[in-house]
Structure formats: structure tokens, C-alpha cells
């Protein structure tokens, strides 16, 4: 549940950042387990 909200917020912010400057390039999400953590990177 925490992950869902955090991913939604970060993805929305990234998409809005693209829209503000008319970028049509995709937003990139990279994710997966690493040691004892699950990591998510969202890049705009």
C-alpha cells in the first residue's frame, strides 16, 4: 500500500514535468529486488 501511493505520486510528478515542457519522451520506471530491499527509480 505504501509502495502504491509513492509510485503514483512520483510517476504523476514525472508525467507532469514532461507535460509542462511539451516533452513526448516516455517516463522510465526501473524496479526490482536488491538484497533485502525493493527499489524503484522513476526518471523524467
ModelCIF file with pLDDT and N, C-alpha, C, O atoms, coordinates in Angstrom:
data_MODEL
#
_entry.id   MODEL 
#
_entity.id                         1 
_entity.type                       polymer 
_entity.pdbx_number_of_molecules   1 
#
_entity_poly.entity_id                      1 
_entity_poly.type                           'polypeptide(L)' 
_entity_poly.nstd_linkage                   no 
_entity_poly.nstd_monomer                   no 
_entity_poly.pdbx_seq_one_letter_code       
;(UNK)(UNK)(UNK)(UNK)(UNK)(UNK)(UNK)(UNK)(UNK)(UNK)(UNK)(UNK)(UNK)(UNK)(UNK)(UNK)
(UNK)(UNK)(UNK)(UNK)(UNK)(UNK)(UNK)(UNK)(UNK)(UNK)(UNK)(UNK)(UNK)(UNK)(UNK)(UNK)
(UNK)(UNK)(UNK)(UNK)(UNK)(UNK)(UNK)(UNK)(UNK)(UNK)(UNK)(UNK)
;
_entity_poly.pdbx_seq_one_letter_code_can   XXXXXXXXXXXXXXXXXXXXXXXXXXXXXXXXXXXXXXXXXXXX 
_entity_poly.pdbx_strand_id                 A 
#
loop_
_entity_poly_seq.entity_id 
_entity_poly_seq.num 
_entity_poly_seq.mon_id 
_entity_poly_seq.hetero 
1 1  UNK n 
1 2  UNK n 
1 3  UNK n 
1 4  UNK n 
1 5  UNK n 
1 6  UNK n 
1 7  UNK n 
1 8  UNK n 
1 9  UNK n 
1 10 UNK n 
1 11 UNK n 
1 12 UNK n 
1 13 UNK n 
1 14 UNK n 
1 15 UNK n 
1 16 UNK n 
1 17 UNK n 
1 18 UNK n 
1 19 UNK n 
1 20 UNK n 
1 21 UNK n 
1 22 UNK n 
1 23 UNK n 
1 24 UNK n 
1 25 UNK n 
1 26 UNK n 
1 27 UNK n 
1 28 UNK n 
1 29 UNK n 
1 30 UNK n 
1 31 UNK n 
1 32 UNK n 
1 33 UNK n 
1 34 UNK n 
1 35 UNK n 
1 36 UNK n 
1 37 UNK n 
1 38 UNK n 
1 39 UNK n 
1 40 UNK n 
1 41 UNK n 
1 42 UNK n 
1 43 UNK n 
1 44 UNK n 
#
_struct_asym.id          A 
_struct_asym.entity_id   1 
#
loop_
_ma_qa_metric.id 
_ma_qa_metric.mode 
_ma_qa_metric.name 
_ma_qa_metric.software_group_id 
_ma_qa_metric.type 
1 global pLDDT . pLDDT 
2 local  pLDDT . pLDDT 
#
_ma_qa_metric_global.metric_id      1 
_ma_qa_metric_global.metric_value   93.11 
_ma_qa_metric_global.model_id       1 
_ma_qa_metric_global.ordinal_id     1 
#
loop_
_ma_qa_metric_local.label_asym_id 
_ma_qa_metric_local.label_comp_id 
_ma_qa_metric_local.label_seq_id 
_ma_qa_metric_local.metric_id 
_ma_qa_metric_local.metric_value 
_ma_qa_metric_local.model_id 
_ma_qa_metric_local.ordinal_id 
A UNK 1  2 95.00 1 1  
A UNK 2  2 95.00 1 2  
A UNK 3  2 97.00 1 3  
A UNK 4  2 97.00 1 4  
A UNK 5  2 97.00 1 5  
A UNK 6  2 97.00 1 6  
A UNK 7  2 98.00 1 7  
A UNK 8  2 97.00 1 8  
A UNK 9  2 95.00 1 9  
A UNK 10 2 96.00 1 10 
A UNK 11 2 96.00 1 11 
A UNK 12 2 94.00 1 12 
A UNK 13 2 91.00 1 13 
A UNK 14 2 93.00 1 14 
A UNK 15 2 93.00 1 15 
A UNK 16 2 91.00 1 16 
A UNK 17 2 89.00 1 17 
A UNK 18 2 90.00 1 18 
A UNK 19 2 89.00 1 19 
A UNK 20 2 85.00 1 20 
A UNK 21 2 85.00 1 21 
A UNK 22 2 79.00 1 22 
A UNK 23 2 80.00 1 23 
A UNK 24 2 89.00 1 24 
A UNK 25 2 91.00 1 25 
A UNK 26 2 95.00 1 26 
A UNK 27 2 96.00 1 27 
A UNK 28 2 97.00 1 28 
A UNK 29 2 98.00 1 29 
A UNK 30 2 98.00 1 30 
A UNK 31 2 97.00 1 31 
A UNK 32 2 96.00 1 32 
A UNK 33 2 94.00 1 33 
A UNK 34 2 90.00 1 34 
A UNK 35 2 85.00 1 35 
A UNK 36 2 86.00 1 36 
A UNK 37 2 93.00 1 37 
A UNK 38 2 96.00 1 38 
A UNK 39 2 97.00 1 39 
A UNK 40 2 98.00 1 40 
A UNK 41 2 97.00 1 41 
A UNK 42 2 97.00 1 42 
A UNK 43 2 95.00 1 43 
A UNK 44 2 93.00 1 44 
#
loop_
_atom_site.group_PDB 
_atom_site.id 
_atom_site.type_symbol 
_atom_site.label_atom_id 
_atom_site.label_alt_id 
_atom_site.label_comp_id 
_atom_site.label_asym_id 
_atom_site.label_entity_id 
_atom_site.label_seq_id 
_atom_site.pdbx_PDB_ins_code 
_atom_site.Cartn_x 
_atom_site.Cartn_y 
_atom_site.Cartn_z 
_atom_site.occupancy 
_atom_site.B_iso_or_equiv 
_atom_site.pdbx_formal_charge 
_atom_site.auth_seq_id 
_atom_site.auth_comp_id 
_atom_site.auth_asym_id 
_atom_site.auth_atom_id 
_atom_site.pdbx_PDB_model_num 
ATOM 1   N N  . UNK A 1 1  ? 0.833  -1.213 0.000   1.00 95.00 ? 1  UNK A N  1 
ATOM 2   C CA . UNK A 1 1  ? 0.000  0.000  0.000   1.00 95.00 ? 1  UNK A CA 1 
ATOM 3   C C  . UNK A 1 1  ? 0.862  1.255  0.000   1.00 95.00 ? 1  UNK A C  1 
ATOM 4   O O  . UNK A 1 1  ? 0.562  2.212  -0.714  1.00 95.00 ? 1  UNK A O  1 
ATOM 5   N N  . UNK A 1 2  ? 1.939  1.261  0.801   1.00 95.00 ? 2  UNK A N  1 
ATOM 6   C CA . UNK A 1 2  ? 2.866  2.396  0.801   1.00 95.00 ? 2  UNK A CA 1 
ATOM 7   C C  . UNK A 1 2  ? 3.504  2.564  -0.572  1.00 95.00 ? 2  UNK A C  1 
ATOM 8   O O  . UNK A 1 2  ? 3.605  3.678  -1.087  1.00 95.00 ? 2  UNK A O  1 
ATOM 9   N N  . UNK A 1 3  ? 3.933  1.451  -1.160  1.00 97.00 ? 3  UNK A N  1 
ATOM 10  C CA . UNK A 1 3  ? 4.561  1.460  -2.475  1.00 97.00 ? 3  UNK A CA 1 
ATOM 11  C C  . UNK A 1 3  ? 3.611  2.025  -3.530  1.00 97.00 ? 3  UNK A C  1 
ATOM 12  O O  . UNK A 1 3  ? 4.018  2.843  -4.354  1.00 97.00 ? 3  UNK A O  1 
ATOM 13  N N  . UNK A 1 4  ? 2.352  1.595  -3.509  1.00 97.00 ? 4  UNK A N  1 
ATOM 14  C CA . UNK A 1 4  ? 1.367  2.073  -4.489  1.00 97.00 ? 4  UNK A CA 1 
ATOM 15  C C  . UNK A 1 4  ? 1.262  3.597  -4.475  1.00 97.00 ? 4  UNK A C  1 
ATOM 16  O O  . UNK A 1 4  ? 1.280  4.245  -5.521  1.00 97.00 ? 4  UNK A O  1 
ATOM 17  N N  . UNK A 1 5  ? 1.154  4.147  -3.284  1.00 97.00 ? 5  UNK A N  1 
ATOM 18  C CA . UNK A 1 5  ? 0.991  5.602  -3.169  1.00 97.00 ? 5  UNK A CA 1 
ATOM 19  C C  . UNK A 1 5  ? 2.259  6.326  -3.610  1.00 97.00 ? 5  UNK A C  1 
ATOM 20  O O  . UNK A 1 5  ? 2.189  7.307  -4.349  1.00 97.00 ? 5  UNK A O  1 
ATOM 21  N N  . UNK A 1 6  ? 3.419  5.846  -3.159  1.00 97.00 ? 6  UNK A N  1 
ATOM 22  C CA . UNK A 1 6  ? 4.682  6.500  -3.519  1.00 97.00 ? 6  UNK A CA 1 
ATOM 23  C C  . UNK A 1 6  ? 4.931  6.439  -5.026  1.00 97.00 ? 6  UNK A C  1 
ATOM 24  O O  . UNK A 1 6  ? 5.353  7.432  -5.619  1.00 97.00 ? 6  UNK A O  1 
ATOM 25  N N  . UNK A 1 7  ? 4.678  5.293  -5.649  1.00 98.00 ? 7  UNK A N  1 
ATOM 26  C CA . UNK A 1 7  ? 4.856  5.158  -7.101  1.00 98.00 ? 7  UNK A CA 1 
ATOM 27  C C  . UNK A 1 7  ? 3.881  6.061  -7.841  1.00 98.00 ? 7  UNK A C  1 
ATOM 28  O O  . UNK A 1 7  ? 4.252  6.694  -8.828  1.00 98.00 ? 7  UNK A O  1 
ATOM 29  N N  . UNK A 1 8  ? 2.644  6.126  -7.377  1.00 97.00 ? 8  UNK A N  1 
ATOM 30  C CA . UNK A 1 8  ? 1.651  7.005  -8.012  1.00 97.00 ? 8  UNK A CA 1 
ATOM 31  C C  . UNK A 1 8  ? 2.083  8.460  -7.953  1.00 97.00 ? 8  UNK A C  1 
ATOM 32  O O  . UNK A 1 8  ? 1.994  9.175  -8.951  1.00 97.00 ? 8  UNK A O  1 
ATOM 33  N N  . UNK A 1 9  ? 2.550  8.902  -6.792  1.00 95.00 ? 9  UNK A N  1 
ATOM 34  C CA . UNK A 1 9  ? 2.981  10.297 -6.627  1.00 95.00 ? 9  UNK A CA 1 
ATOM 35  C C  . UNK A 1 9  ? 4.171  10.616 -7.516  1.00 95.00 ? 9  UNK A C  1 
ATOM 36  O O  . UNK A 1 9  ? 4.167  11.619 -8.230  1.00 95.00 ? 9  UNK A O  1 
ATOM 37  N N  . UNK A 1 10 ? 5.195  9.762  -7.475  1.00 96.00 ? 10 UNK A N  1 
ATOM 38  C CA . UNK A 1 10 ? 6.416  10.023 -8.238  1.00 96.00 ? 10 UNK A CA 1 
ATOM 39  C C  . UNK A 1 10 ? 6.162  9.946  -9.747  1.00 96.00 ? 10 UNK A C  1 
ATOM 40  O O  . UNK A 1 10 ? 6.707  10.747 -10.507 1.00 96.00 ? 10 UNK A O  1 
ATOM 41  N N  . UNK A 1 11 ? 5.343  8.993  -10.180 1.00 96.00 ? 11 UNK A N  1 
ATOM 42  C CA . UNK A 1 11 ? 5.032  8.867  -11.610 1.00 96.00 ? 11 UNK A CA 1 
ATOM 43  C C  . UNK A 1 11 ? 4.223  10.060 -12.082 1.00 96.00 ? 11 UNK A C  1 
ATOM 44  O O  . UNK A 1 11 ? 4.490  10.600 -13.155 1.00 96.00 ? 11 UNK A O  1 
ATOM 45  N N  . UNK A 1 12 ? 3.244  10.479 -11.303 1.00 94.00 ? 12 UNK A N  1 
ATOM 46  C CA . UNK A 1 12 ? 2.441  11.652 -11.661 1.00 94.00 ? 12 UNK A CA 1 
ATOM 47  C C  . UNK A 1 12 ? 3.324  12.889 -11.763 1.00 94.00 ? 12 UNK A C  1 
ATOM 48  O O  . UNK A 1 12 ? 3.199  13.660 -12.715 1.00 94.00 ? 12 UNK A O  1 
ATOM 49  N N  . UNK A 1 13 ? 4.218  13.088 -10.792 1.00 91.00 ? 13 UNK A N  1 
ATOM 50  C CA . UNK A 1 13 ? 5.119  14.248 -10.847 1.00 91.00 ? 13 UNK A CA 1 
ATOM 51  C C  . UNK A 1 13 ? 5.985  14.213 -12.101 1.00 91.00 ? 13 UNK A C  1 
ATOM 52  O O  . UNK A 1 13 ? 6.197  15.247 -12.733 1.00 91.00 ? 13 UNK A O  1 
ATOM 53  N N  . UNK A 1 14 ? 6.489  13.029 -12.470 1.00 93.00 ? 14 UNK A N  1 
ATOM 54  C CA . UNK A 1 14 ? 7.343  12.902 -13.653 1.00 93.00 ? 14 UNK A CA 1 
ATOM 55  C C  . UNK A 1 14 ? 6.545  13.207 -14.931 1.00 93.00 ? 14 UNK A C  1 
ATOM 56  O O  . UNK A 1 14 ? 7.032  13.907 -15.819 1.00 93.00 ? 14 UNK A O  1 
ATOM 57  N N  . UNK A 1 15 ? 5.346  12.688 -15.015 1.00 93.00 ? 15 UNK A N  1 
ATOM 58  C CA . UNK A 1 15 ? 4.500  12.936 -16.190 1.00 93.00 ? 15 UNK A CA 1 
ATOM 59  C C  . UNK A 1 15 ? 4.175  14.421 -16.298 1.00 93.00 ? 15 UNK A C  1 
ATOM 60  O O  . UNK A 1 15 ? 4.247  14.991 -17.387 1.00 93.00 ? 15 UNK A O  1 
ATOM 61  N N  . UNK A 1 16 ? 3.825  15.044 -15.200 1.00 91.00 ? 16 UNK A N  1 
ATOM 62  C CA . UNK A 1 16 ? 3.507  16.483 -15.222 1.00 91.00 ? 16 UNK A CA 1 
ATOM 63  C C  . UNK A 1 16 ? 4.727  17.310 -15.613 1.00 91.00 ? 16 UNK A C  1 
ATOM 64  O O  . UNK A 1 16 ? 4.596  18.331 -16.288 1.00 91.00 ? 16 UNK A O  1 
ATOM 65  N N  . UNK A 1 17 ? 5.919  16.869 -15.189 1.00 89.00 ? 17 UNK A N  1 
ATOM 66  C CA . UNK A 1 17 ? 7.153  17.571 -15.572 1.00 89.00 ? 17 UNK A CA 1 
ATOM 67  C C  . UNK A 1 17 ? 7.326  17.530 -17.091 1.00 89.00 ? 17 UNK A C  1 
ATOM 68  O O  . UNK A 1 17 ? 7.733  18.523 -17.694 1.00 89.00 ? 17 UNK A O  1 
ATOM 69  N N  . UNK A 1 18 ? 7.024  16.408 -17.703 1.00 90.00 ? 18 UNK A N  1 
ATOM 70  C CA . UNK A 1 18 ? 7.105  16.296 -19.164 1.00 90.00 ? 18 UNK A CA 1 
ATOM 71  C C  . UNK A 1 18 ? 6.053  17.163 -19.832 1.00 90.00 ? 18 UNK A C  1 
ATOM 72  O O  . UNK A 1 18 ? 6.342  17.845 -20.815 1.00 90.00 ? 18 UNK A O  1 
ATOM 73  N N  . UNK A 1 19 ? 4.852  17.143 -19.315 1.00 89.00 ? 19 UNK A N  1 
ATOM 74  C CA . UNK A 1 19 ? 3.769  17.916 -19.926 1.00 89.00 ? 19 UNK A CA 1 
ATOM 75  C C  . UNK A 1 19 ? 4.021  19.416 -19.857 1.00 89.00 ? 19 UNK A C  1 
ATOM 76  O O  . UNK A 1 19 ? 3.641  20.147 -20.772 1.00 89.00 ? 19 UNK A O  1 
ATOM 77  N N  . UNK A 1 20 ? 4.656  19.885 -18.786 1.00 85.00 ? 20 UNK A N  1 
ATOM 78  C CA . UNK A 1 20 ? 4.919  21.321 -18.643 1.00 85.00 ? 20 UNK A CA 1 
ATOM 79  C C  . UNK A 1 20 ? 5.826  21.858 -19.740 1.00 85.00 ? 20 UNK A C  1 
ATOM 80  O O  . UNK A 1 20 ? 5.764  23.042 -20.074 1.00 85.00 ? 20 UNK A O  1 
ATOM 81  N N  . UNK A 1 21 ? 6.671  20.993 -20.305 1.00 85.00 ? 21 UNK A N  1 
ATOM 82  C CA . UNK A 1 21 ? 7.606  21.449 -21.335 1.00 85.00 ? 21 UNK A CA 1 
ATOM 83  C C  . UNK A 1 21 ? 7.362  20.745 -22.673 1.00 85.00 ? 21 UNK A C  1 
ATOM 84  O O  . UNK A 1 21 ? 8.247  20.707 -23.528 1.00 85.00 ? 21 UNK A O  1 
ATOM 85  N N  . UNK A 1 22 ? 6.163  20.191 -22.851 1.00 79.00 ? 22 UNK A N  1 
ATOM 86  C CA . UNK A 1 22 ? 5.777  19.524 -24.095 1.00 79.00 ? 22 UNK A CA 1 
ATOM 87  C C  . UNK A 1 22 ? 6.752  18.440 -24.523 1.00 79.00 ? 22 UNK A C  1 
ATOM 88  O O  . UNK A 1 22 ? 7.085  18.331 -25.703 1.00 79.00 ? 22 UNK A O  1 
ATOM 89  N N  . UNK A 1 23 ? 7.205  17.647 -23.582 1.00 80.00 ? 23 UNK A N  1 
ATOM 90  C CA . UNK A 1 23 ? 8.076  16.513 -23.914 1.00 80.00 ? 23 UNK A CA 1 
ATOM 91  C C  . UNK A 1 23 ? 7.194  15.309 -24.203 1.00 80.00 ? 23 UNK A C  1 
ATOM 92  O O  . UNK A 1 23 ? 6.267  15.013 -23.449 1.00 80.00 ? 23 UNK A O  1 
ATOM 93  N N  . UNK A 1 24 ? 7.486  14.624 -25.289 1.00 89.00 ? 24 UNK A N  1 
ATOM 94  C CA . UNK A 1 24 ? 6.724  13.422 -25.596 1.00 89.00 ? 24 UNK A CA 1 
ATOM 95  C C  . UNK A 1 24 ? 7.523  12.146 -25.335 1.00 89.00 ? 24 UNK A C  1 
ATOM 96  O O  . UNK A 1 24 ? 7.059  11.043 -25.627 1.00 89.00 ? 24 UNK A O  1 
ATOM 97  N N  . UNK A 1 25 ? 8.723  12.306 -24.784 1.00 91.00 ? 25 UNK A N  1 
ATOM 98  C CA . UNK A 1 25 ? 9.523  11.136 -24.412 1.00 91.00 ? 25 UNK A CA 1 
ATOM 99  C C  . UNK A 1 25 ? 8.872  10.426 -23.237 1.00 91.00 ? 25 UNK A C  1 
ATOM 100 O O  . UNK A 1 25 ? 8.211  11.061 -22.416 1.00 91.00 ? 25 UNK A O  1 
ATOM 101 N N  . UNK A 1 26 ? 9.054  9.109  -23.150 1.00 95.00 ? 26 UNK A N  1 
ATOM 102 C CA . UNK A 1 26 ? 8.416  8.385  -22.047 1.00 95.00 ? 26 UNK A CA 1 
ATOM 103 C C  . UNK A 1 26 ? 9.093  8.655  -20.702 1.00 95.00 ? 26 UNK A C  1 
ATOM 104 O O  . UNK A 1 26 ? 10.263 9.028  -20.627 1.00 95.00 ? 26 UNK A O  1 
ATOM 105 N N  . UNK A 1 27 ? 8.316  8.452  -19.659 1.00 96.00 ? 27 UNK A N  1 
ATOM 106 C CA . UNK A 1 27 ? 8.838  8.420  -18.292 1.00 96.00 ? 27 UNK A CA 1 
ATOM 107 C C  . UNK A 1 27 ? 9.320  6.985  -18.086 1.00 96.00 ? 27 UNK A C  1 
ATOM 108 O O  . UNK A 1 27 ? 8.641  6.039  -18.485 1.00 96.00 ? 27 UNK A O  1 
ATOM 109 N N  . UNK A 1 28 ? 10.484 6.820  -17.467 1.00 97.00 ? 28 UNK A N  1 
ATOM 110 C CA . UNK A 1 28 ? 11.086 5.499  -17.301 1.00 97.00 ? 28 UNK A CA 1 
ATOM 111 C C  . UNK A 1 28 ? 11.026 5.080  -15.830 1.00 97.00 ? 28 UNK A C  1 
ATOM 112 O O  . UNK A 1 28 ? 11.429 5.826  -14.937 1.00 97.00 ? 28 UNK A O  1 
ATOM 113 N N  . UNK A 1 29 ? 10.514 3.872  -15.604 1.00 98.00 ? 29 UNK A N  1 
ATOM 114 C CA . UNK A 1 29 ? 10.491 3.277  -14.268 1.00 98.00 ? 29 UNK A CA 1 
ATOM 115 C C  . UNK A 1 29 ? 11.387 2.051  -14.303 1.00 98.00 ? 29 UNK A C  1 
ATOM 116 O O  . UNK A 1 29 ? 11.251 1.205  -15.186 1.00 98.00 ? 29 UNK A O  1 
ATOM 117 N N  . UNK A 1 30 ? 12.296 1.951  -13.354 1.00 98.00 ? 30 UNK A N  1 
ATOM 118 C CA . UNK A 1 30 ? 13.154 0.777  -13.199 1.00 98.00 ? 30 UNK A CA 1 
ATOM 119 C C  . UNK A 1 30 ? 12.912 0.254  -11.793 1.00 98.00 ? 30 UNK A C  1 
ATOM 120 O O  . UNK A 1 30 ? 12.898 1.028  -10.835 1.00 98.00 ? 30 UNK A O  1 
ATOM 121 N N  . UNK A 1 31 ? 12.722 -1.052 -11.662 1.00 97.00 ? 31 UNK A N  1 
ATOM 122 C CA . UNK A 1 31 ? 12.361 -1.567 -10.342 1.00 97.00 ? 31 UNK A CA 1 
ATOM 123 C C  . UNK A 1 31 ? 12.712 -3.035 -10.216 1.00 97.00 ? 31 UNK A C  1 
ATOM 124 O O  . UNK A 1 31 ? 12.812 -3.769 -11.199 1.00 97.00 ? 31 UNK A O  1 
ATOM 125 N N  . UNK A 1 32 ? 12.896 -3.435 -8.962  1.00 96.00 ? 32 UNK A N  1 
ATOM 126 C CA . UNK A 1 32 ? 13.171 -4.833 -8.670  1.00 96.00 ? 32 UNK A CA 1 
ATOM 127 C C  . UNK A 1 32 ? 13.786 -4.997 -7.298  1.00 96.00 ? 32 UNK A C  1 
ATOM 128 O O  . UNK A 1 32 ? 14.122 -4.017 -6.632  1.00 96.00 ? 32 UNK A O  1 
ATOM 129 N N  . UNK A 1 33 ? 13.931 -6.260 -6.876  1.00 94.00 ? 33 UNK A N  1 
ATOM 130 C CA . UNK A 1 33 ? 14.531 -6.539 -5.564  1.00 94.00 ? 33 UNK A CA 1 
ATOM 131 C C  . UNK A 1 33 ? 16.036 -6.370 -5.620  1.00 94.00 ? 33 UNK A C  1 
ATOM 132 O O  . UNK A 1 33 ? 16.675 -6.626 -6.641  1.00 94.00 ? 33 UNK A O  1 
ATOM 133 N N  . UNK A 1 34 ? 16.582 -5.937 -4.507  1.00 90.00 ? 34 UNK A N  1 
ATOM 134 C CA . UNK A 1 34 ? 18.039 -5.831 -4.360  1.00 90.00 ? 34 UNK A CA 1 
ATOM 135 C C  . UNK A 1 34 ? 18.352 -6.077 -2.897  1.00 90.00 ? 34 UNK A C  1 
ATOM 136 O O  . UNK A 1 34 ? 17.965 -5.296 -2.027  1.00 90.00 ? 34 UNK A O  1 
ATOM 137 N N  . UNK A 1 35 ? 19.053 -7.165 -2.633  1.00 85.00 ? 35 UNK A N  1 
ATOM 138 C CA . UNK A 1 35 ? 19.366 -7.589 -1.271  1.00 85.00 ? 35 UNK A CA 1 
ATOM 139 C C  . UNK A 1 35 ? 18.076 -7.682 -0.478  1.00 85.00 ? 35 UNK A C  1 
ATOM 140 O O  . UNK A 1 35 ? 17.196 -8.460 -0.846  1.00 85.00 ? 35 UNK A O  1 
ATOM 141 N N  . UNK A 1 36 ? 17.929 -6.920 0.593   1.00 86.00 ? 36 UNK A N  1 
ATOM 142 C CA . UNK A 1 36 ? 16.703 -7.017 1.400   1.00 86.00 ? 36 UNK A CA 1 
ATOM 143 C C  . UNK A 1 36 ? 15.767 -5.838 1.159   1.00 86.00 ? 36 UNK A C  1 
ATOM 144 O O  . UNK A 1 36 ? 14.965 -5.491 2.026   1.00 86.00 ? 36 UNK A O  1 
ATOM 145 N N  . UNK A 1 37 ? 15.868 -5.224 -0.018  1.00 93.00 ? 37 UNK A N  1 
ATOM 146 C CA . UNK A 1 37 ? 15.018 -4.083 -0.359  1.00 93.00 ? 37 UNK A CA 1 
ATOM 147 C C  . UNK A 1 37 ? 14.377 -4.278 -1.722  1.00 93.00 ? 37 UNK A C  1 
ATOM 148 O O  . UNK A 1 37 ? 14.850 -5.054 -2.552  1.00 93.00 ? 37 UNK A O  1 
ATOM 149 N N  . UNK A 1 38 ? 13.295 -3.555 -1.927  1.00 96.00 ? 38 UNK A N  1 
ATOM 150 C CA . UNK A 1 38 ? 12.718 -3.432 -3.256  1.00 96.00 ? 38 UNK A CA 1 
ATOM 151 C C  . UNK A 1 38 ? 12.961 -1.987 -3.655  1.00 96.00 ? 38 UNK A C  1 
ATOM 152 O O  . UNK A 1 38 ? 12.600 -1.068 -2.919  1.00 96.00 ? 38 UNK A O  1 
ATOM 153 N N  . UNK A 1 39 ? 13.572 -1.780 -4.816  1.00 97.00 ? 39 UNK A N  1 
ATOM 154 C CA . UNK A 1 39 ? 13.931 -0.439 -5.252  1.00 97.00 ? 39 UNK A CA 1 
ATOM 155 C C  . UNK A 1 39 ? 13.109 -0.043 -6.473  1.00 97.00 ? 39 UNK A C  1 
ATOM 156 O O  . UNK A 1 39 ? 12.801 -0.861 -7.340  1.00 97.00 ? 39 UNK A O  1 
ATOM 157 N N  . UNK A 1 40 ? 12.769 1.235  -6.507  1.00 98.00 ? 40 UNK A N  1 
ATOM 158 C CA . UNK A 1 40 ? 12.056 1.811  -7.642  1.00 98.00 ? 40 UNK A CA 1 
ATOM 159 C C  . UNK A 1 40 ? 12.743 3.116  -8.001  1.00 98.00 ? 40 UNK A C  1 
ATOM 160 O O  . UNK A 1 40 ? 12.966 3.969  -7.142  1.00 98.00 ? 40 UNK A O  1 
ATOM 161 N N  . UNK A 1 41 ? 13.077 3.263  -9.278  1.00 97.00 ? 41 UNK A N  1 
ATOM 162 C CA . UNK A 1 41 ? 13.637 4.505  -9.789  1.00 97.00 ? 41 UNK A CA 1 
ATOM 163 C C  . UNK A 1 41 ? 12.683 5.011  -10.859 1.00 97.00 ? 41 UNK A C  1 
ATOM 164 O O  . UNK A 1 41 ? 12.328 4.277  -11.781 1.00 97.00 ? 41 UNK A O  1 
ATOM 165 N N  . UNK A 1 42 ? 12.269 6.264  -10.734 1.00 97.00 ? 42 UNK A N  1 
ATOM 166 C CA . UNK A 1 42 ? 11.402 6.891  -11.726 1.00 97.00 ? 42 UNK A CA 1 
ATOM 167 C C  . UNK A 1 42 ? 12.146 8.095  -12.267 1.00 97.00 ? 42 UNK A C  1 
ATOM 168 O O  . UNK A 1 42 ? 12.547 8.989  -11.522 1.00 97.00 ? 42 UNK A O  1 
ATOM 169 N N  . UNK A 1 43 ? 12.323 8.099  -13.590 1.00 95.00 ? 43 UNK A N  1 
ATOM 170 C CA . UNK A 1 43 ? 13.148 9.134  -14.209 1.00 95.00 ? 43 UNK A CA 1 
ATOM 171 C C  . UNK A 1 43 ? 12.362 9.868  -15.286 1.00 95.00 ? 43 UNK A C  1 
ATOM 172 O O  . UNK A 1 43 ? 11.693 9.265  -16.125 1.00 95.00 ? 43 UNK A O  1 
ATOM 173 N N  . UNK A 1 44 ? 12.467 11.198 -15.232 1.00 93.00 ? 44 UNK A N  1 
ATOM 174 C CA . UNK A 1 44 ? 11.867 12.023 -16.276 1.00 93.00 ? 44 UNK A CA 1 
ATOM 175 C C  . UNK A 1 44 ? 12.950 12.873 -16.917 1.00 93.00 ? 44 UNK A C  1 
ATOM 176 O O  . UNK A 1 44 ? 12.666 13.650 -17.828 1.00 93.00 ? 44 UNK A O  1 
#
